[in-house]
Amino acid sequence: MPERDETLIGFDFGSSRIGAAVGNTLTASARPLAQIDNRVSARGFDAIGRLLTEWQPQRLVVGRPLHPDGTPHDMTARCERFARQLHGRFGLPVDLVDERYSTVEAESGGGSGRNIDAQAAAIILQQYLQNR
């Protein structure tokens, strides 16, 4: 049976910025979409709402940071809370994915400051799509 075509939005959550990427299950590909200012939470969720209206995703993916040995740290809980808030505000299913080294990978791939978080979000979403 063919897989259902779904649009997904992936997020790389940070206390200052949130990277966003868009992906598709049919092509199993993701690309950077936006970098959202997260210094004022309400504005961040407004910007996310606009992205969701524009792209109409069926699912959201949030990177879950862990220490290299797999244990959680302070940002792990914050990302899990962000994922719960996304589900509560927008009513879409939200999956968490291990994001260890996604920013490092984005930087080593030639990414730079202005869009590094969106590139990290694309890497997170690509990992999710490949491991489905």
C-alpha atoms as a PDB file:
ATOM      1  CA  MET A   1       0.000   0.000   0.000  1.00  0.00           C
ATOM      2  CA  PRO A   2       1.498   3.394  -0.936  1.00  0.00           C
ATOM      3  CA  GLU A   3       2.489   5.727   1.868  1.00  0.00           C
ATOM      4  CA  ARG A   4       0.243   8.714   2.474  1.00  0.00           C
ATOM      5  CA  ASP A   5       1.747  12.006   1.326  1.00  0.00           C
ATOM      6  CA  GLU A   6       2.141  14.308   4.337  1.00  0.00           C
ATOM      7  CA  THR A   7       3.626  17.744   4.769  1.00  0.00           C
ATOM      8  CA  LEU A   8       5.610  18.177   7.972  1.00  0.00           C
ATOM      9  CA  ILE A   9       7.125  21.173   9.711  1.00  0.00           C
ATOM     10  CA  GLY A  10      10.206  20.562  11.829  1.00  0.00           C
ATOM     11  CA  PHE A  11      11.568  22.790  14.581  1.00  0.00           C
ATOM     12  CA  ASP A  12      14.953  23.369  16.172  1.00  0.00           C
ATOM     13  CA  PHE A  13      13.920  25.043  19.436  1.00  0.00           C
ATOM     14  CA  GLY A  14      16.183  27.554  21.135  1.00  0.00           C
ATOM     15  CA  SER A  15      15.592  30.150  23.824  1.00  0.00           C
ATOM     16  CA  SER A  16      16.444  32.997  21.405  1.00  0.00           C
ATOM     17  CA  ARG A  17      15.518  31.526  18.025  1.00  0.00           C
ATOM     18  CA  ILE A  18      13.491  28.666  16.605  1.00  0.00           C
ATOM     19  CA  GLY A  19      14.516  27.182  13.304  1.00  0.00           C
ATOM     20  CA  ALA A  20      11.751  25.850  11.072  1.00  0.00           C
ATOM     21  CA  ALA A  21      11.908  23.512   8.086  1.00  0.00           C
ATOM     22  CA  VAL A  22       9.339  21.980   5.778  1.00  0.00           C
ATOM     23  CA  GLY A  23       9.370  18.404   4.564  1.00  0.00           C
ATOM     24  CA  ASN A  24       7.303  15.847   2.739  1.00  0.00           C
ATOM     25  CA  THR A  25       6.880  12.115   3.373  1.00  0.00           C
ATOM     26  CA  LEU A  26       6.471  11.258  -0.313  1.00  0.00           C
ATOM     27  CA  THR A  27       9.858  12.671  -1.293  1.00  0.00           C
ATOM     28  CA  ALA A  28      11.392  12.059   2.174  1.00  0.00           C
ATOM     29  CA  SER A  29      13.106  15.420   1.891  1.00  0.00           C
ATOM     30  CA  ALA A  30      13.307  18.566   4.006  1.00  0.00           C
ATOM     31  CA  ARG A  31      14.505  22.111   3.438  1.00  0.00           C
ATOM     32  CA  PRO A  32      15.105  25.144   5.667  1.00  0.00           C
ATOM     33  CA  LEU A  33      12.104  27.423   5.912  1.00  0.00           C
ATOM     34  CA  ALA A  34      12.476  30.194   8.494  1.00  0.00           C
ATOM     35  CA  GLN A  35      14.235  31.416  11.580  1.00  0.00           C
ATOM     36  CA  ILE A  36      11.793  32.696  14.213  1.00  0.00           C
ATOM     37  CA  ASP A  37      12.633  35.171  16.956  1.00  0.00           C
ATOM     38  CA  ASN A  38      11.736  33.463  20.229  1.00  0.00           C
ATOM     39  CA  ARG A  39      12.722  36.154  22.719  1.00  0.00           C
ATOM     40  CA  VAL A  40       9.016  36.963  23.196  1.00  0.00           C
ATOM     41  CA  SER A  41       7.131  33.655  23.311  1.00  0.00           C
ATOM     42  CA  ALA A  42       3.789  35.029  22.073  1.00  0.00           C
ATOM     43  CA  ARG A  43       5.409  36.468  18.930  1.00  0.00           C
ATOM     44  CA  GLY A  44       7.141  33.152  18.296  1.00  0.00           C
ATOM     45  CA  PHE A  45       3.856  31.257  18.427  1.00  0.00           C
ATOM     46  CA  ASP A  46       2.209  33.870  16.181  1.00  0.00           C
ATOM     47  CA  ALA A  47       4.956  33.340  13.582  1.00  0.00           C
ATOM     48  CA  ILE A  48       4.590  29.563  13.893  1.00  0.00           C
ATOM     49  CA  GLY A  49       0.832  29.914  13.420  1.00  0.00           C
ATOM     50  CA  ARG A  50       1.410  31.822  10.180  1.00  0.00           C
ATOM     51  CA  LEU A  51       3.759  29.084   8.914  1.00  0.00           C
ATOM     52  CA  LEU A  52       1.194  26.410   9.746  1.00  0.00           C
ATOM     53  CA  THR A  53      -1.545  28.331   7.959  1.00  0.00           C
ATOM     54  CA  GLU A  54       0.633  28.721   4.885  1.00  0.00           C
ATOM     55  CA  TRP A  55       1.985  25.145   4.694  1.00  0.00           C
ATOM     56  CA  GLN A  56      -0.971  23.188   6.204  1.00  0.00           C
ATOM     57  CA  PRO A  57       1.188  20.397   7.701  1.00  0.00           C
ATOM     58  CA  GLN A  58      -0.316  17.153   8.961  1.00  0.00           C
ATOM     59  CA  ARG A  59       2.418  16.627  11.571  1.00  0.00           C
ATOM     60  CA  LEU A  60       5.073  18.578  13.480  1.00  0.00           C
ATOM     61  CA  VAL A  61       8.537  17.399  14.503  1.00  0.00           C
ATOM     62  CA  VAL A  62      10.621  18.917  17.304  1.00  0.00           C
ATOM     63  CA  GLY A  63      14.283  18.234  17.918  1.00  0.00           C
ATOM     64  CA  ARG A  64      14.986  16.833  21.388  1.00  0.00           C
ATOM     65  CA  PRO A  65      18.503  17.683  22.557  1.00  0.00           C
ATOM     66  CA  LEU A  66      20.418  15.206  24.684  1.00  0.00           C
ATOM     67  CA  HIS A  67      23.917  14.896  26.059  1.00  0.00           C
ATOM     68  CA  PRO A  68      26.271  12.804  23.882  1.00  0.00           C
ATOM     69  CA  ASP A  69      25.641   9.805  26.195  1.00  0.00           C
ATOM     70  CA  GLY A  70      21.880  10.108  25.626  1.00  0.00           C
ATOM     71  CA  THR A  71      20.949  11.597  28.996  1.00  0.00           C
ATOM     72  CA  PRO A  72      18.635  14.617  29.144  1.00  0.00           C
ATOM     73  CA  HIS A  73      19.780  18.109  30.157  1.00  0.00           C
ATOM     74  CA  ASP A  74      18.038  21.426  30.914  1.00  0.00           C
ATOM     75  CA  MET A  75      17.148  22.164  27.249  1.00  0.00           C
ATOM     76  CA  THR A  76      15.602  18.690  26.879  1.00  0.00           C
ATOM     77  CA  ALA A  77      12.730  19.598  29.208  1.00  0.00           C
ATOM     78  CA  ARG A  78      12.266  22.984  27.519  1.00  0.00           C
ATOM     79  CA  CYS A  79      11.991  21.332  24.079  1.00  0.00           C
ATOM     80  CA  GLU A  80       9.533  18.754  25.398  1.00  0.00           C
ATOM     81  CA  ARG A  81       7.432  21.594  26.857  1.00  0.00           C
ATOM     82  CA  PHE A  82       7.584  23.419  23.494  1.00  0.00           C
ATOM     83  CA  ALA A  83       6.349  20.238  21.766  1.00  0.00           C
ATOM     84  CA  ARG A  84       3.411  19.977  24.205  1.00  0.00           C
ATOM     85  CA  GLN A  85       2.591  23.665  23.634  1.00  0.00           C
ATOM     86  CA  LEU A  86       2.583  23.155  19.861  1.00  0.00           C
ATOM     87  CA  HIS A  87       0.177  20.248  20.209  1.00  0.00           C
ATOM     88  CA  GLY A  88      -2.047  22.163  22.628  1.00  0.00           C
ATOM     89  CA  ARG A  89      -2.173  25.359  20.551  1.00  0.00           C
ATOM     90  CA  PHE A  90      -2.468  23.881  17.072  1.00  0.00           C
ATOM     91  CA  GLY A  91      -3.976  20.413  17.643  1.00  0.00           C
ATOM     92  CA  LEU A  92      -1.488  18.626  15.379  1.00  0.00           C
ATOM     93  CA  PRO A  93       0.442  15.481  16.253  1.00  0.00           C
ATOM     94  CA  VAL A  94       3.981  16.300  17.396  1.00  0.00           C
ATOM     95  CA  ASP A  95       6.891  13.875  17.337  1.00  0.00           C
ATOM     96  CA  LEU A  96      10.197  14.369  19.126  1.00  0.00           C
ATOM     97  CA  VAL A  97      13.434  13.317  17.437  1.00  0.00           C
ATOM     98  CA  ASP A  98      16.977  13.054  18.775  1.00  0.00           C
ATOM     99  CA  GLU A  99      18.761  16.176  17.595  1.00  0.00           C
ATOM    100  CA  ARG A 100      22.254  15.598  18.943  1.00  0.00           C
ATOM    101  CA  TYR A 101      24.776  17.383  16.736  1.00  0.00           C
ATOM    102  CA  SER A 102      22.214  18.888  14.305  1.00  0.00           C
ATOM    103  CA  THR A 103      23.552  22.433  14.766  1.00  0.00           C
ATOM    104  CA  VAL A 104      27.144  21.218  14.485  1.00  0.00           C
ATOM    105  CA  GLU A 105      26.198  19.385  11.275  1.00  0.00           C
ATOM    106  CA  ALA A 106      24.462  22.500   9.918  1.00  0.00           C
ATOM    107  CA  GLU A 107      27.560  24.603  10.672  1.00  0.00           C
ATOM    108  CA  SER A 108      29.919  22.055   9.126  1.00  0.00           C
ATOM    109  CA  GLY A 109      27.714  21.981   6.019  1.00  0.00           C
ATOM    110  CA  GLY A 110      28.444  25.636   5.364  1.00  0.00           C
ATOM    111  CA  GLY A 111      25.599  27.132   7.351  1.00  0.00           C
ATOM    112  CA  SER A 112      26.049  30.478   9.003  1.00  0.00           C
ATOM    113  CA  GLY A 113      24.455  32.626  11.688  1.00  0.00           C
ATOM    114  CA  ARG A 114      21.477  34.071   9.865  1.00  0.00           C
ATOM    115  CA  ASN A 115      19.850  30.780   8.922  1.00  0.00           C
ATOM    116  CA  ILE A 116      21.744  28.164  10.929  1.00  0.00           C
ATOM    117  CA  ASP A 117      18.682  27.327  13.054  1.00  0.00           C
ATOM    118  CA  ALA A 118      16.509  26.738   9.963  1.00  0.00           C
ATOM    119  CA  GLN A 119      19.244  24.519   8.518  1.00  0.00           C
ATOM    120  CA  ALA A 120      19.442  22.590  11.809  1.00  0.00           C
ATOM    121  CA  ALA A 121      15.634  22.167  11.680  1.00  0.00           C
ATOM    122  CA  ALA A 122      15.958  20.734   8.149  1.00  0.00           C
ATOM    123  CA  ILE A 123      18.564  18.241   9.394  1.00  0.00           C
ATOM    124  CA  ILE A 124      16.281  17.225  12.281  1.00  0.00           C
ATOM    125  CA  LEU A 125      13.335  16.776   9.921  1.00  0.00           C
ATOM    126  CA  GLN A 126      15.453  14.867   7.395  1.00  0.00           C
ATOM    127  CA  GLN A 127      16.571  12.468  10.161  1.00  0.00           C
ATOM    128  CA  TYR A 128      12.944  11.964  11.138  1.00  0.00           C
ATOM    129  CA  LEU A 129      11.918  11.220   7.557  1.00  0.00           C
ATOM    130  CA  GLN A 130      14.773   8.765   7.028  1.00  0.00           C
ATOM    131  CA  ASN A 131      13.997   6.870  10.248  1.00  0.00           C
ATOM    132  CA  ARG A 132      10.228   6.527   9.784  1.00  0.00           C
END
